[in-house]
Amino acid sequence: MNCTTRLRPRGPVGLIGLLAPLALFAACAFASPVSAPLGADEIARIVASPDRSEADRANDQRRKPEQMLAFIGVRAGMVALDISAAGGYTSELLARSVGPAGKVYAQGAAAPRETLAARIAKPHGGPIVAAVRPFDDPVPAEVAAGGLDLVTLMFNYHDLVHMGVDRERMNRALFAALKPGGTYVIADHSARPGTGAADAKTLHRIDEALVREEVERAGFKLAAQGQFLRNSADPRERVTPEPPMAKDEFVLEFVKP
């Protein structure tokens, strides 16, 4: 909606012509403002928050949260769903980023483990809400169609593959739950090209092309590829490459048109 449209009519107008500008004015007056993505300084302050755990700070060395949050384009007020939240590392970073006007649903197929439960109980800027849901139907019932701004699935798509989760159903559900322009961000450990799902259980890796194919089949469009976790030197033949080599990992951002 263009809320800068001129409201002054030109020439004679009827009742409908008079009401239309008033309707536009009312819609603009009550529309929720869309905040800009957090800047680098804001993200740096979130990551440096003194009350973050030492375990999370250690995890930062591999996960590069400043680059990840910038890539996601996280904004204050977002409603996000973190699929397979596990211990809640990503859920907490998102909650700190979206602030009290936003909300983060931390999804898992079972009751939250101790680490996630502690994050839910402790305020982190925005609320974290446990979403105990099956992976193939992960969206909380309270979330209306088009009610999400963001979905994240961090380093667990390969697990859903070897667990036999119906990803087609899952991705369709996520597509329906996101608003137009909403984003679905997936990061995972990269397998060798052409291997498909073959290494999902043994090496905990997934072929990036398979992920793209499955997600795009649900209607999503690839919007961006993050390079900040890539390492082309990783032969991708082991769960973890020989130290000190970093693992090659991909980050994909899909958008709902």
C-alpha atoms as a PDB file:
ATOM      1  CA  MET A   1       0.000   0.000   0.000  1.00  0.00           C
ATOM      2  CA  ASN A   2       1.256   3.444  -0.939  1.00  0.00           C
ATOM      3  CA  CYS A   3       0.378   5.646   2.052  1.00  0.00           C
ATOM      4  CA  THR A   4       1.764   8.767   0.400  1.00  0.00           C
ATOM      5  CA  THR A   5      -1.032   8.869  -2.191  1.00  0.00           C
ATOM      6  CA  ARG A   6      -2.548  12.368  -2.596  1.00  0.00           C
ATOM      7  CA  LEU A   7      -5.993  12.543  -0.993  1.00  0.00           C
ATOM      8  CA  ARG A   8      -7.182  15.724  -2.757  1.00  0.00           C
ATOM      9  CA  PRO A   9      -9.718  14.814  -5.484  1.00  0.00           C
ATOM     10  CA  ARG A  10      -9.504  16.256  -8.967  1.00  0.00           C
ATOM     11  CA  GLY A  11     -12.831  17.271 -10.565  1.00  0.00           C
ATOM     12  CA  PRO A  12     -16.336  16.220  -9.482  1.00  0.00           C
ATOM     13  CA  VAL A  13     -16.576  13.076  -7.361  1.00  0.00           C
ATOM     14  CA  GLY A  14     -19.421  10.989  -6.038  1.00  0.00           C
ATOM     15  CA  LEU A  15     -19.859   9.375  -2.652  1.00  0.00           C
ATOM     16  CA  ILE A  16     -17.600   6.461  -3.542  1.00  0.00           C
ATOM     17  CA  GLY A  17     -14.947   8.900  -4.684  1.00  0.00           C
ATOM     18  CA  LEU A  18     -15.116  10.686  -1.347  1.00  0.00           C
ATOM     19  CA  LEU A  19     -15.037   7.506   0.716  1.00  0.00           C
ATOM     20  CA  ALA A  20     -12.118   5.865  -1.072  1.00  0.00           C
ATOM     21  CA  PRO A  21      -9.495   8.374   0.145  1.00  0.00           C
ATOM     22  CA  LEU A  22     -10.903   8.141   3.674  1.00  0.00           C
ATOM     23  CA  ALA A  23     -10.596   4.350   3.590  1.00  0.00           C
ATOM     24  CA  LEU A  24      -7.009   4.638   2.423  1.00  0.00           C
ATOM     25  CA  PHE A  25      -6.244   7.143   5.178  1.00  0.00           C
ATOM     26  CA  ALA A  26      -7.740   4.837   7.826  1.00  0.00           C
ATOM     27  CA  ALA A  27      -5.789   1.848   6.530  1.00  0.00           C
ATOM     28  CA  CYS A  28      -2.553   3.813   6.606  1.00  0.00           C
ATOM     29  CA  ALA A  29      -3.260   5.205  10.056  1.00  0.00           C
ATOM     30  CA  PHE A  30      -3.772   1.789  11.621  1.00  0.00           C
ATOM     31  CA  ALA A  31      -1.292  -0.297   9.615  1.00  0.00           C
ATOM     32  CA  SER A  32       1.561  -1.756  11.632  1.00  0.00           C
ATOM     33  CA  PRO A  33       4.824  -0.065  10.712  1.00  0.00           C
ATOM     34  CA  VAL A  34       7.476  -2.314   9.216  1.00  0.00           C
ATOM     35  CA  SER A  35      10.764  -1.750  10.985  1.00  0.00           C
ATOM     36  CA  ALA A  36      14.065  -1.801   9.154  1.00  0.00           C
ATOM     37  CA  PRO A  37      16.439  -4.753   9.615  1.00  0.00           C
ATOM     38  CA  LEU A  38      18.726  -4.387  12.602  1.00  0.00           C
ATOM     39  CA  GLY A  39      22.001  -2.683  11.827  1.00  0.00           C
ATOM     40  CA  ALA A  40      25.474  -4.078  12.440  1.00  0.00           C
ATOM     41  CA  ASP A  41      25.914  -2.136  15.696  1.00  0.00           C
ATOM     42  CA  GLU A  42      22.570  -3.359  17.071  1.00  0.00           C
ATOM     43  CA  ILE A  43      23.385  -6.955  16.173  1.00  0.00           C
ATOM     44  CA  ALA A  44      26.849  -6.669  17.729  1.00  0.00           C
ATOM     45  CA  ARG A  45      25.298  -5.444  20.987  1.00  0.00           C
ATOM     46  CA  ILE A  46      22.869  -8.382  21.020  1.00  0.00           C
ATOM     47  CA  VAL A  47      25.637 -10.932  20.482  1.00  0.00           C
ATOM     48  CA  ALA A  48      27.800  -9.234  23.138  1.00  0.00           C
ATOM     49  CA  SER A  49      25.005  -9.190  25.744  1.00  0.00           C
ATOM     50  CA  PRO A  50      26.694  -9.954  29.084  1.00  0.00           C
ATOM     51  CA  ASP A  51      23.933 -12.351  30.190  1.00  0.00           C
ATOM     52  CA  ARG A  52      24.469 -14.774  27.305  1.00  0.00           C
ATOM     53  CA  SER A  53      25.840 -18.124  28.463  1.00  0.00           C
ATOM     54  CA  GLU A  54      29.452 -19.201  28.058  1.00  0.00           C
ATOM     55  CA  ALA A  55      28.241 -22.223  26.100  1.00  0.00           C
ATOM     56  CA  ASP A  56      26.530 -19.936  23.599  1.00  0.00           C
ATOM     57  CA  ARG A  57      29.623 -17.759  23.306  1.00  0.00           C
ATOM     58  CA  ALA A  58      31.685 -20.850  22.538  1.00  0.00           C
ATOM     59  CA  ASN A  59      29.121 -21.860  19.917  1.00  0.00           C
ATOM     60  CA  ASP A  60      29.424 -18.412  18.362  1.00  0.00           C
ATOM     61  CA  GLN A  61      32.892 -19.317  17.086  1.00  0.00           C
ATOM     62  CA  ARG A  62      31.374 -21.743  14.597  1.00  0.00           C
ATOM     63  CA  ARG A  63      27.901 -20.317  14.126  1.00  0.00           C
ATOM     64  CA  LYS A  64      28.930 -16.676  13.384  1.00  0.00           C
ATOM     65  CA  PRO A  65      25.726 -15.160  14.769  1.00  0.00           C
ATOM     66  CA  GLU A  66      26.454 -11.596  13.676  1.00  0.00           C
ATOM     67  CA  GLN A  67      26.686 -12.641  10.038  1.00  0.00           C
ATOM     68  CA  MET A  68      23.688 -14.960  10.388  1.00  0.00           C
ATOM     69  CA  LEU A  69      21.379 -12.335  11.930  1.00  0.00           C
ATOM     70  CA  ALA A  70      22.440  -9.807   9.295  1.00  0.00           C
ATOM     71  CA  PHE A  71      21.818 -12.351   6.525  1.00  0.00           C
ATOM     72  CA  ILE A  72      18.367 -13.150   7.910  1.00  0.00           C
ATOM     73  CA  GLY A  73      17.536  -9.442   8.012  1.00  0.00           C
ATOM     74  CA  VAL A  74      15.986  -9.800  11.445  1.00  0.00           C
ATOM     75  CA  ARG A  75      13.755  -6.908  12.525  1.00  0.00           C
ATOM     76  CA  ALA A  76      12.140  -5.731  15.721  1.00  0.00           C
ATOM     77  CA  GLY A  77       8.540  -6.918  15.995  1.00  0.00           C
ATOM     78  CA  MET A  78       8.956 -10.039  13.870  1.00  0.00           C
ATOM     79  CA  VAL A  79       6.994 -13.206  14.591  1.00  0.00           C
ATOM     80  CA  ALA A  80       9.343 -16.126  13.969  1.00  0.00           C
ATOM     81  CA  LEU A  81       9.202 -19.925  14.083  1.00  0.00           C
ATOM     82  CA  ASP A  82      12.445 -21.761  14.844  1.00  0.00           C
ATOM     83  CA  ILE A  83      12.026 -25.330  13.567  1.00  0.00           C
ATOM     84  CA  SER A  84      13.806 -28.079  15.528  1.00  0.00           C
ATOM     85  CA  ALA A  85      14.908 -25.528  18.114  1.00  0.00           C
ATOM     86  CA  ALA A  86      16.783 -28.142  20.202  1.00  0.00           C
ATOM     87  CA  GLY A  87      18.617 -26.260  22.975  1.00  0.00           C
ATOM     88  CA  GLY A  88      17.364 -22.893  21.730  1.00  0.00           C
ATOM     89  CA  TYR A  89      20.608 -21.217  20.666  1.00  0.00           C
ATOM     90  CA  THR A  90      18.959 -19.635  17.609  1.00  0.00           C
ATOM     91  CA  SER A  91      15.626 -19.094  19.360  1.00  0.00           C
ATOM     92  CA  GLU A  92      17.278 -16.900  22.003  1.00  0.00           C
ATOM     93  CA  LEU A  93      19.212 -14.825  19.472  1.00  0.00           C
ATOM     94  CA  LEU A  94      16.015 -14.237  17.534  1.00  0.00           C
ATOM     95  CA  ALA A  95      14.107 -13.310  20.707  1.00  0.00           C
ATOM     96  CA  ARG A  96      16.773 -10.783  21.654  1.00  0.00           C
ATOM     97  CA  SER A  97      16.501  -9.354  18.131  1.00  0.00           C
ATOM     98  CA  VAL A  98      12.712  -9.124  17.687  1.00  0.00           C
ATOM     99  CA  GLY A  99      12.227  -7.506  21.095  1.00  0.00           C
ATOM    100  CA  PRO A 100       9.061  -7.294  23.209  1.00  0.00           C
ATOM    101  CA  ALA A 101       6.878  -6.445  20.211  1.00  0.00           C
ATOM    102  CA  GLY A 102       7.841  -9.718  18.532  1.00  0.00           C
ATOM    103  CA  LYS A 103       7.605 -13.387  19.366  1.00  0.00           C
ATOM    104  CA  VAL A 104       9.624 -16.552  18.715  1.00  0.00           C
ATOM    105  CA  TYR A 105       8.075 -20.009  18.622  1.00  0.00           C
ATOM    106  CA  ALA A 106      10.652 -22.683  19.471  1.00  0.00           C
ATOM    107  CA  GLN A 107       9.392 -25.860  17.821  1.00  0.00           C
ATOM    108  CA  GLY A 108      10.213 -29.421  18.729  1.00  0.00           C
ATOM    109  CA  ALA A 109       8.454 -32.775  18.549  1.00  0.00           C
ATOM    110  CA  ALA A 110       8.847 -33.333  22.316  1.00  0.00           C
ATOM    111  CA  ALA A 111       8.693 -31.179  25.433  1.00  0.00           C
ATOM    112  CA  PRO A 112      11.550 -28.643  25.608  1.00  0.00           C
ATOM    113  CA  ARG A 113      14.824 -29.971  26.917  1.00  0.00           C
ATOM    114  CA  GLU A 114      16.306 -28.354  30.026  1.00  0.00           C
ATOM    115  CA  THR A 115      18.395 -25.776  28.190  1.00  0.00           C
ATOM    116  CA  LEU A 116      15.485 -24.543  26.085  1.00  0.00           C
ATOM    117  CA  ALA A 117      13.113 -24.568  29.062  1.00  0.00           C
ATOM    118  CA  ALA A 118      15.526 -22.281  30.915  1.00  0.00           C
ATOM    119  CA  ARG A 119      15.627 -19.869  27.981  1.00  0.00           C
ATOM    120  CA  ILE A 120      11.823 -19.789  27.838  1.00  0.00           C
ATOM    121  CA  ALA A 121      11.622 -18.990  31.556  1.00  0.00           C
ATOM    122  CA  LYS A 122      14.167 -16.177  31.377  1.00  0.00           C
ATOM    123  CA  PRO A 123      13.305 -12.929  29.539  1.00  0.00           C
ATOM    124  CA  HIS A 124      15.499 -12.208  26.529  1.00  0.00           C
ATOM    125  CA  GLY A 125      13.883  -9.129  25.038  1.00  0.00           C
ATOM    126  CA  GLY A 126      11.122 -10.921  23.154  1.00  0.00           C
ATOM    127  CA  PRO A 127       9.102 -13.921  24.377  1.00  0.00           C
ATOM    128  CA  ILE A 128      10.090 -17.478  23.461  1.00  0.00           C
ATOM    129  CA  VAL A 129       7.091 -19.795  23.295  1.00  0.00           C
ATOM    130  CA  ALA A 130       7.442 -23.573  23.208  1.00  0.00           C
ATOM    131  CA  ALA A 131       5.705 -25.164  20.211  1.00  0.00           C
ATOM    132  CA  VAL A 132       5.464 -28.919  20.731  1.00  0.00           C
ATOM    133  CA  ARG A 133       4.407 -30.017  17.270  1.00  0.00           C
ATOM    134  CA  PRO A 134       5.249 -32.802  14.806  1.00  0.00           C
ATOM    135  CA  PHE A 135       7.854 -31.793  12.258  1.00  0.00           C
ATOM    136  CA  ASP A 136       5.531 -32.372   9.325  1.00  0.00           C
ATOM    137  CA  ASP A 137       2.931 -30.048  10.912  1.00  0.00           C
ATOM    138  CA  PRO A 138       5.115 -27.611  12.848  1.00  0.00           C
ATOM    139  CA  VAL A 139       3.061 -24.412  12.922  1.00  0.00           C
ATOM    140  CA  PRO A 140       1.312 -23.674  16.254  1.00  0.00           C
ATOM    141  CA  ALA A 141      -2.482 -23.721  16.038  1.00  0.00           C
ATOM    142  CA  GLU A 142      -2.657 -20.135  17.312  1.00  0.00           C
ATOM    143  CA  VAL A 143      -0.730 -18.861  14.285  1.00  0.00           C
ATOM    144  CA  ALA A 144      -3.128 -17.862  11.531  1.00  0.00           C
ATOM    145  CA  ALA A 145      -2.322 -18.376   7.868  1.00  0.00           C
ATOM    146  CA  GLY A 146       0.093 -15.645   6.888  1.00  0.00           C
ATOM    147  CA  GLY A 147       0.915 -14.918  10.521  1.00  0.00           C
ATOM    148  CA  LEU A 148       4.674 -15.523  10.405  1.00  0.00           C
ATOM    149  CA  ASP A 149       7.413 -13.193   9.212  1.00  0.00           C
ATOM    150  CA  LEU A 150      10.262 -15.674   9.478  1.00  0.00           C
ATOM    151  CA  VAL A 151      11.005 -19.391   9.711  1.00  0.00           C
ATOM    152  CA  THR A 152      14.458 -20.737  10.558  1.00  0.00           C
ATOM    153  CA  LEU A 153      15.754 -24.310  10.369  1.00  0.00           C
ATOM    154  CA  MET A 154      19.337 -24.415  11.564  1.00  0.00           C
ATOM    155  CA  PHE A 155      21.521 -27.457  10.777  1.00  0.00           C
ATOM    156  CA  ASN A 156      18.737 -30.010  11.152  1.00  0.00           C
ATOM    157  CA  TYR A 157      17.179 -30.426   7.711  1.00  0.00           C
ATOM    158  CA  HIS A 158      19.411 -33.485   7.236  1.00  0.00           C
ATOM    159  CA  ASP A 159      18.053 -34.967  10.487  1.00  0.00           C
ATOM    160  CA  LEU A 160      14.488 -34.555   9.271  1.00  0.00           C
ATOM    161  CA  VAL A 161      15.506 -36.397   6.101  1.00  0.00           C
ATOM    162  CA  HIS A 162      16.967 -39.464   7.805  1.00  0.00           C
ATOM    163  CA  MET A 163      14.104 -39.488  10.332  1.00  0.00           C
ATOM    164  CA  GLY A 164      11.674 -39.890   7.442  1.00  0.00           C
ATOM    165  CA  VAL A 165       9.765 -36.668   8.103  1.00  0.00           C
ATOM    166  CA  ASP A 166       7.303 -35.716   5.373  1.00  0.00           C
ATOM    167  CA  ARG A 167       9.173 -32.592   4.257  1.00  0.00           C
ATOM    168  CA  GLU A 168       6.743 -31.875   1.445  1.00  0.00           C
ATOM    169  CA  ARG A 169       3.935 -31.522   3.978  1.00  0.00           C
ATOM    170  CA  MET A 170       6.180 -29.525   6.323  1.00  0.00           C
ATOM    171  CA  ASN A 171       7.314 -27.081   3.651  1.00  0.00           C
ATOM    172  CA  ARG A 172       3.757 -26.556   2.407  1.00  0.00           C
ATOM    173  CA  ALA A 173       2.635 -25.804   5.980  1.00  0.00           C
ATOM    174  CA  LEU A 174       5.436 -23.273   6.378  1.00  0.00           C
ATOM    175  CA  PHE A 175       4.564 -21.652   3.060  1.00  0.00           C
ATOM    176  CA  ALA A 176       0.955 -21.217   4.194  1.00  0.00           C
ATOM    177  CA  ALA A 177       1.977 -19.812   7.580  1.00  0.00           C
ATOM    178  CA  LEU A 178       4.328 -17.155   6.198  1.00  0.00           C
ATOM    179  CA  LYS A 179       3.008 -13.833   5.009  1.00  0.00           C
ATOM    180  CA  PRO A 180       3.840 -12.771   1.428  1.00  0.00           C
ATOM    181  CA  GLY A 181       7.426 -11.595   1.466  1.00  0.00           C
ATOM    182  CA  GLY A 182       8.147 -13.721   4.546  1.00  0.00           C
ATOM    183  CA  THR A 183      11.391 -15.671   4.599  1.00  0.00           C
ATOM    184  CA  TYR A 184      12.466 -19.244   5.298  1.00  0.00           C
ATOM    185  CA  VAL A 185      16.155 -19.570   6.192  1.00  0.00           C
ATOM    186  CA  ILE A 186      17.858 -22.970   6.185  1.00  0.00           C
ATOM    187  CA  ALA A 187      21.458 -23.691   7.156  1.00  0.00           C
ATOM    188  CA  ASP A 188      23.017 -27.147   7.087  1.00  0.00           C
ATOM    189  CA  HIS A 189      26.187 -29.178   6.715  1.00  0.00           C
ATOM    190  CA  SER A 190      27.048 -29.555   3.061  1.00  0.00           C
ATOM    191  CA  ALA A 191      27.358 -32.954   1.391  1.00  0.00           C
ATOM    192  CA  ARG A 192      29.104 -33.608  -1.917  1.00  0.00           C
ATOM    193  CA  PRO A 193      27.104 -32.484  -4.942  1.00  0.00           C
ATOM    194  CA  GLY A 194      24.931 -35.205  -6.392  1.00  0.00           C
ATOM    195  CA  THR A 195      24.703 -37.281  -3.194  1.00  0.00           C
ATOM    196  CA  GLY A 196      21.153 -36.202  -2.408  1.00  0.00           C
ATOM    197  CA  ALA A 197      20.083 -37.673   0.924  1.00  0.00           C
ATOM    198  CA  ALA A 198      22.684 -40.478   0.985  1.00  0.00           C
ATOM    199  CA  ASP A 199      24.852 -38.883   3.714  1.00  0.00           C
ATOM    200  CA  ALA A 200      22.050 -37.508   5.880  1.00  0.00           C
ATOM    201  CA  LYS A 201      22.294 -40.207   8.554  1.00  0.00           C
ATOM    202  CA  THR A 202      25.902 -41.363   8.273  1.00  0.00           C
ATOM    203  CA  LEU A 203      27.725 -38.062   7.855  1.00  0.00           C
ATOM    204  CA  HIS A 204      24.987 -35.676   9.055  1.00  0.00           C
ATOM    205  CA  ARG A 205      25.261 -33.800   5.775  1.00  0.00           C
ATOM    206  CA  ILE A 206      22.767 -32.981   3.021  1.00  0.00           C
ATOM    207  CA  ASP A 207      23.129 -32.084  -0.634  1.00  0.00           C
ATOM    208  CA  GLU A 208      22.248 -28.411  -0.998  1.00  0.00           C
ATOM    209  CA  ALA A 209      20.559 -29.098  -4.343  1.00  0.00           C
ATOM    210  CA  LEU A 210      18.111 -31.504  -2.689  1.00  0.00           C
ATOM    211  CA  VAL A 211      17.112 -28.909  -0.098  1.00  0.00           C
ATOM    212  CA  ARG A 212      16.538 -26.308  -2.798  1.00  0.00           C
ATOM    213  CA  GLU A 213      14.465 -28.701  -4.882  1.00  0.00           C
ATOM    214  CA  GLU A 214      12.223 -29.694  -1.972  1.00  0.00           C
ATOM    215  CA  VAL A 215      11.650 -26.160  -0.685  1.00  0.00           C
ATOM    216  CA  GLU A 216      11.036 -24.622  -4.091  1.00  0.00           C
ATOM    217  CA  ARG A 217       8.501 -27.370  -4.830  1.00  0.00           C
ATOM    218  CA  ALA A 218       6.360 -25.901  -2.031  1.00  0.00           C
ATOM    219  CA  GLY A 219       6.239 -22.534  -3.817  1.00  0.00           C
ATOM    220  CA  PHE A 220       9.215 -20.722  -2.298  1.00  0.00           C
ATOM    221  CA  LYS A 221      11.736 -18.783  -4.374  1.00  0.00           C
ATOM    222  CA  LEU A 222      15.435 -18.744  -3.571  1.00  0.00           C
ATOM    223  CA  ALA A 223      16.330 -15.176  -2.575  1.00  0.00           C
ATOM    224  CA  ALA A 224      19.917 -15.351  -1.271  1.00  0.00           C
ATOM    225  CA  GLN A 225      22.812 -17.680  -0.482  1.00  0.00           C
ATOM    226  CA  GLY A 226      25.090 -16.952   2.462  1.00  0.00           C
ATOM    227  CA  GLN A 227      28.789 -17.604   1.939  1.00  0.00           C
ATOM    228  CA  PHE A 228      30.013 -16.891   5.471  1.00  0.00           C
ATOM    229  CA  LEU A 229      30.002 -20.561   6.587  1.00  0.00           C
ATOM    230  CA  ARG A 230      31.419 -22.020   3.377  1.00  0.00           C
ATOM    231  CA  ASN A 231      34.752 -23.825   3.106  1.00  0.00           C
ATOM    232  CA  SER A 232      35.458 -25.228  -0.347  1.00  0.00           C
ATOM    233  CA  ALA A 233      38.514 -27.079   1.008  1.00  0.00           C
ATOM    234  CA  ASP A 234      36.333 -29.425   3.086  1.00  0.00           C
ATOM    235  CA  PRO A 235      36.231 -32.759   1.183  1.00  0.00           C
ATOM    236  CA  ARG A 236      32.822 -33.468   2.782  1.00  0.00           C
ATOM    237  CA  GLU A 237      33.664 -37.134   3.299  1.00  0.00           C
ATOM    238  CA  ARG A 238      33.545 -37.129   7.096  1.00  0.00           C
ATOM    239  CA  VAL A 239      31.139 -35.948   9.771  1.00  0.00           C
ATOM    240  CA  THR A 240      33.743 -33.377  10.786  1.00  0.00           C
ATOM    241  CA  PRO A 241      36.833 -32.660   8.682  1.00  0.00           C
ATOM    242  CA  GLU A 242      40.291 -33.068  10.114  1.00  0.00           C
ATOM    243  CA  PRO A 243      40.980 -30.159  12.498  1.00  0.00           C
ATOM    244  CA  PRO A 244      41.598 -27.309  12.231  1.00  0.00           C
ATOM    245  CA  MET A 245      39.666 -27.342   8.960  1.00  0.00           C
ATOM    246  CA  ALA A 246      36.186 -25.839   9.161  1.00  0.00           C
ATOM    247  CA  LYS A 247      33.164 -27.731   7.887  1.00  0.00           C
ATOM    248  CA  ASP A 248      31.547 -26.533   4.677  1.00  0.00           C
ATOM    249  CA  GLU A 249      28.034 -25.297   5.465  1.00  0.00           C
ATOM    250  CA  PHE A 250      25.431 -23.601   3.293  1.00  0.00           C
ATOM    251  CA  VAL A 251      22.875 -20.956   4.237  1.00  0.00           C
ATOM    252  CA  LEU A 252      19.839 -20.427   1.996  1.00  0.00           C
ATOM    253  CA  GLU A 253      17.132 -17.792   2.229  1.00  0.00           C
ATOM    254  CA  PHE A 254      13.826 -18.525   0.511  1.00  0.00           C
ATOM    255  CA  VAL A 255      10.980 -16.058   0.152  1.00  0.00           C
ATOM    256  CA  LYS A 256       7.247 -16.545  -0.191  1.00  0.00           C
ATOM    257  CA  PRO A 257       6.243 -14.519  -3.274  1.00  0.00           C
END
